[in-house]
């Protein structure tokens, strides 16, 4: 399930940092969605380029987007392997 930023942030373990019109971001989000649905975890996307985005996220990860964060820690950038995400969530 994709959640909007601000919706129960304490329960969302997986965040995908994205940009609009980014096909690589779309592909990564598909992998994250499939794995999170499989293991029963909520996830969210955060567009680092929107006016409301955290400037620290943009500064730290902007050059490597898309990025997957699990519990606030970087797991992958550009591509995430489903098995790596499963392991991080167990």
N, C-alpha and C. Protein backbone atom coordinates (compact mmCIF):
# COMPACT_ATOMS: atom_id res chain seq x y z
N UNK A 1 0.84 -1.17 0.00
CA UNK A 1 0.00 0.00 0.00
C UNK A 1 0.89 1.23 0.00
N UNK A 2 0.65 2.15 -0.85
CA UNK A 2 1.39 3.39 -0.88
C UNK A 2 0.72 4.37 0.06
N UNK A 3 1.50 5.02 0.89
CA UNK A 3 0.95 6.01 1.79
C UNK A 3 1.50 7.36 1.41
N UNK A 4 0.73 8.37 1.70
CA UNK A 4 1.18 9.74 1.48
C UNK A 4 2.08 10.15 2.62
N UNK A 5 2.96 11.09 2.34
CA UNK A 5 3.82 11.62 3.38
C UNK A 5 2.91 12.25 4.43
N UNK A 6 3.20 11.98 5.69
CA UNK A 6 2.40 12.52 6.76
C UNK A 6 1.37 11.55 7.29
N UNK A 7 1.14 10.44 6.61
CA UNK A 7 0.19 9.44 7.07
C UNK A 7 0.91 8.40 7.90
N UNK A 8 0.72 8.41 9.19
CA UNK A 8 1.31 7.43 10.10
C UNK A 8 2.78 7.15 9.81
N UNK A 9 3.64 8.17 9.86
CA UNK A 9 5.05 7.96 9.52
C UNK A 9 5.75 6.95 10.40
N UNK A 10 5.24 6.74 11.63
CA UNK A 10 5.88 5.79 12.53
C UNK A 10 5.72 4.35 12.06
N UNK A 11 4.71 4.08 11.23
CA UNK A 11 4.47 2.71 10.80
C UNK A 11 5.08 2.40 9.44
N UNK A 12 5.52 3.40 8.71
CA UNK A 12 6.08 3.17 7.38
C UNK A 12 7.57 2.91 7.50
N UNK A 13 7.97 1.70 7.15
CA UNK A 13 9.38 1.32 7.26
C UNK A 13 10.13 1.58 5.97
N UNK A 14 9.42 1.59 4.83
CA UNK A 14 10.09 1.67 3.53
C UNK A 14 9.68 2.97 2.84
N UNK A 15 10.68 3.72 2.42
CA UNK A 15 10.47 4.96 1.68
C UNK A 15 11.26 4.88 0.38
N UNK A 16 10.60 5.24 -0.71
CA UNK A 16 11.27 5.31 -2.00
C UNK A 16 11.36 6.78 -2.39
N UNK A 17 12.58 7.28 -2.51
CA UNK A 17 12.80 8.65 -2.94
C UNK A 17 12.80 8.67 -4.46
N UNK A 18 11.96 9.53 -5.04
CA UNK A 18 11.73 9.53 -6.48
C UNK A 18 11.75 10.95 -7.03
N UNK A 19 11.65 11.02 -8.35
CA UNK A 19 11.43 12.25 -9.10
C UNK A 19 10.29 12.00 -10.08
N UNK A 20 9.57 13.05 -10.42
CA UNK A 20 8.51 12.94 -11.41
C UNK A 20 9.11 12.57 -12.77
N UNK A 21 8.37 11.81 -13.54
CA UNK A 21 8.78 11.43 -14.90
C UNK A 21 10.11 10.69 -14.94
N UNK A 22 10.35 9.85 -13.95
CA UNK A 22 11.58 9.07 -13.86
C UNK A 22 11.22 7.59 -14.03
N UNK A 23 11.56 7.03 -15.17
CA UNK A 23 11.21 5.63 -15.43
C UNK A 23 11.94 4.68 -14.49
N UNK A 24 13.17 5.01 -14.14
CA UNK A 24 13.91 4.17 -13.19
C UNK A 24 13.21 4.19 -11.83
N UNK A 25 12.71 5.36 -11.44
CA UNK A 25 11.97 5.47 -10.19
C UNK A 25 10.71 4.60 -10.24
N UNK A 26 10.01 4.64 -11.37
CA UNK A 26 8.80 3.84 -11.53
C UNK A 26 9.11 2.35 -11.40
N UNK A 27 10.19 1.91 -12.02
CA UNK A 27 10.56 0.49 -11.95
C UNK A 27 10.91 0.08 -10.51
N UNK A 28 11.65 0.95 -9.82
CA UNK A 28 12.01 0.63 -8.44
C UNK A 28 10.76 0.57 -7.57
N UNK A 29 9.84 1.50 -7.76
CA UNK A 29 8.61 1.51 -6.97
C UNK A 29 7.79 0.24 -7.19
N UNK A 30 7.81 -0.29 -8.41
CA UNK A 30 7.09 -1.54 -8.69
C UNK A 30 7.67 -2.70 -7.89
N UNK A 31 8.99 -2.78 -7.81
CA UNK A 31 9.64 -3.84 -7.04
C UNK A 31 9.31 -3.68 -5.56
N UNK A 32 9.41 -2.45 -5.06
CA UNK A 32 9.14 -2.19 -3.65
C UNK A 32 7.68 -2.53 -3.33
N UNK A 33 6.76 -2.12 -4.18
CA UNK A 33 5.35 -2.42 -3.94
C UNK A 33 5.12 -3.92 -3.86
N UNK A 34 5.68 -4.67 -4.80
CA UNK A 34 5.47 -6.12 -4.83
C UNK A 34 6.01 -6.78 -3.56
N UNK A 35 7.21 -6.42 -3.16
CA UNK A 35 7.82 -7.03 -1.97
C UNK A 35 7.06 -6.61 -0.71
N UNK A 36 6.72 -5.34 -0.60
CA UNK A 36 6.01 -4.87 0.59
C UNK A 36 4.63 -5.51 0.70
N UNK A 37 3.94 -5.69 -0.40
CA UNK A 37 2.66 -6.38 -0.36
C UNK A 37 2.85 -7.83 0.08
N UNK A 38 3.90 -8.46 -0.41
CA UNK A 38 4.20 -9.85 -0.07
C UNK A 38 4.45 -10.04 1.43
N UNK A 39 5.20 -9.11 2.02
CA UNK A 39 5.57 -9.27 3.43
C UNK A 39 4.68 -8.47 4.38
N UNK A 40 3.73 -7.73 3.84
CA UNK A 40 2.79 -7.00 4.68
C UNK A 40 3.31 -5.72 5.30
N UNK A 41 4.21 -5.04 4.60
CA UNK A 41 4.76 -3.77 5.08
C UNK A 41 4.16 -2.61 4.29
N UNK A 42 3.92 -1.49 4.98
CA UNK A 42 3.52 -0.27 4.31
C UNK A 42 4.75 0.40 3.72
N UNK A 43 4.52 1.22 2.70
CA UNK A 43 5.63 1.94 2.08
C UNK A 43 5.10 3.27 1.58
N UNK A 44 6.02 4.16 1.26
CA UNK A 44 5.66 5.47 0.75
C UNK A 44 6.67 5.91 -0.30
N UNK A 45 6.23 6.86 -1.13
CA UNK A 45 7.15 7.52 -2.04
C UNK A 45 7.25 8.98 -1.62
N UNK A 46 8.44 9.54 -1.81
CA UNK A 46 8.67 10.94 -1.54
C UNK A 46 9.39 11.52 -2.75
N UNK A 47 8.77 12.50 -3.40
CA UNK A 47 9.39 13.18 -4.53
C UNK A 47 10.32 14.24 -3.97
N UNK A 48 11.60 14.08 -4.19
CA UNK A 48 12.60 14.99 -3.61
C UNK A 48 12.59 16.36 -4.25
N UNK A 49 11.88 16.52 -5.37
CA UNK A 49 11.89 17.80 -6.07
C UNK A 49 10.67 18.67 -5.77
N UNK A 50 9.71 18.20 -5.01
CA UNK A 50 8.54 19.01 -4.72
C UNK A 50 8.89 20.10 -3.72
N UNK A 51 8.09 21.14 -3.72
CA UNK A 51 8.37 22.28 -2.84
C UNK A 51 8.29 21.90 -1.37
N UNK A 52 7.50 20.91 -1.03
CA UNK A 52 7.37 20.50 0.36
C UNK A 52 8.36 19.44 0.80
N UNK A 53 9.23 19.01 -0.09
CA UNK A 53 10.19 17.95 0.23
C UNK A 53 11.25 18.45 1.21
N UNK A 54 11.73 17.55 2.02
CA UNK A 54 12.78 17.85 2.99
C UNK A 54 14.06 18.19 2.24
N UNK A 55 14.59 19.40 2.39
CA UNK A 55 15.82 19.77 1.67
C UNK A 55 17.02 18.91 2.04
N UNK A 56 17.00 18.34 3.25
CA UNK A 56 18.11 17.46 3.64
C UNK A 56 18.09 16.17 2.83
N UNK A 57 16.89 15.63 2.57
CA UNK A 57 16.79 14.43 1.73
C UNK A 57 17.31 14.73 0.33
N UNK A 58 16.88 15.86 -0.22
CA UNK A 58 17.33 16.24 -1.56
C UNK A 58 18.83 16.42 -1.61
N UNK A 59 19.38 17.08 -0.59
CA UNK A 59 20.82 17.31 -0.56
C UNK A 59 21.62 16.03 -0.43
N UNK A 60 21.13 15.12 0.41
CA UNK A 60 21.88 13.88 0.65
C UNK A 60 21.71 12.85 -0.47
N UNK A 61 20.49 12.72 -1.01
CA UNK A 61 20.21 11.64 -1.94
C UNK A 61 19.88 12.11 -3.36
N UNK A 62 19.77 13.40 -3.59
CA UNK A 62 19.30 13.93 -4.87
C UNK A 62 20.02 13.41 -6.10
N UNK A 63 21.33 13.22 -6.01
CA UNK A 63 22.10 12.74 -7.16
C UNK A 63 21.95 11.25 -7.39
N UNK A 64 21.38 10.52 -6.43
CA UNK A 64 21.29 9.06 -6.55
C UNK A 64 19.87 8.55 -6.69
N UNK A 65 18.89 9.44 -6.81
CA UNK A 65 17.48 9.04 -6.89
C UNK A 65 17.27 8.20 -8.13
N UNK A 66 16.55 7.09 -8.03
CA UNK A 66 15.74 6.65 -6.91
C UNK A 66 16.58 5.95 -5.84
N UNK A 67 16.08 6.08 -4.61
CA UNK A 67 16.74 5.48 -3.45
C UNK A 67 15.67 4.80 -2.60
N UNK A 68 16.01 3.63 -2.06
CA UNK A 68 15.13 2.94 -1.12
C UNK A 68 15.73 3.07 0.27
N UNK A 69 14.91 3.57 1.20
CA UNK A 69 15.30 3.66 2.60
C UNK A 69 14.45 2.66 3.38
N UNK A 70 15.09 1.91 4.27
CA UNK A 70 14.38 1.01 5.17
C UNK A 70 14.73 1.47 6.58
N UNK A 71 13.71 1.81 7.33
CA UNK A 71 13.90 2.35 8.68
C UNK A 71 14.85 3.54 8.66
N UNK A 72 14.77 4.36 7.61
CA UNK A 72 15.57 5.57 7.50
C UNK A 72 16.98 5.37 7.01
N UNK A 73 17.38 4.13 6.75
CA UNK A 73 18.74 3.82 6.28
C UNK A 73 18.70 3.45 4.80
N UNK A 74 19.68 3.92 4.04
CA UNK A 74 19.73 3.61 2.62
C UNK A 74 19.98 2.12 2.38
N UNK A 75 19.11 1.52 1.60
CA UNK A 75 19.27 0.12 1.22
C UNK A 75 19.81 0.02 -0.21
N UNK A 76 19.30 0.85 -1.11
CA UNK A 76 19.68 0.74 -2.51
C UNK A 76 19.44 2.06 -3.23
N UNK A 77 20.21 2.28 -4.27
CA UNK A 77 19.94 3.39 -5.18
C UNK A 77 20.03 2.86 -6.61
N UNK A 78 19.23 3.46 -7.46
CA UNK A 78 19.10 3.12 -8.88
C UNK A 78 18.38 1.79 -9.10
N UNK A 79 18.67 0.78 -8.29
CA UNK A 79 18.04 -0.53 -8.47
C UNK A 79 18.02 -1.26 -7.14
N UNK A 80 16.91 -1.93 -6.87
CA UNK A 80 16.81 -2.71 -5.65
C UNK A 80 16.51 -4.16 -6.02
N UNK A 81 17.24 -5.06 -5.41
CA UNK A 81 16.98 -6.49 -5.61
C UNK A 81 15.89 -6.93 -4.64
N UNK A 82 14.87 -7.62 -5.12
CA UNK A 82 13.79 -8.04 -4.24
C UNK A 82 14.27 -8.81 -3.01
N UNK A 83 15.23 -9.70 -3.19
CA UNK A 83 15.72 -10.49 -2.05
C UNK A 83 16.41 -9.62 -1.01
N UNK A 84 17.12 -8.57 -1.46
CA UNK A 84 17.76 -7.66 -0.51
C UNK A 84 16.72 -6.93 0.32
N UNK A 85 15.64 -6.50 -0.32
CA UNK A 85 14.59 -5.80 0.40
C UNK A 85 13.88 -6.75 1.37
N UNK A 86 13.61 -7.97 0.93
CA UNK A 86 12.98 -8.96 1.83
C UNK A 86 13.83 -9.17 3.07
N UNK A 87 15.14 -9.36 2.88
CA UNK A 87 16.04 -9.57 4.02
C UNK A 87 16.04 -8.37 4.96
N UNK A 88 16.02 -7.19 4.41
CA UNK A 88 16.04 -5.98 5.24
C UNK A 88 14.76 -5.83 6.06
N UNK A 89 13.68 -6.41 5.58
CA UNK A 89 12.40 -6.28 6.26
C UNK A 89 12.12 -7.42 7.24
N UNK A 90 12.99 -8.42 7.29
CA UNK A 90 12.77 -9.54 8.21
C UNK A 90 13.71 -9.48 9.39
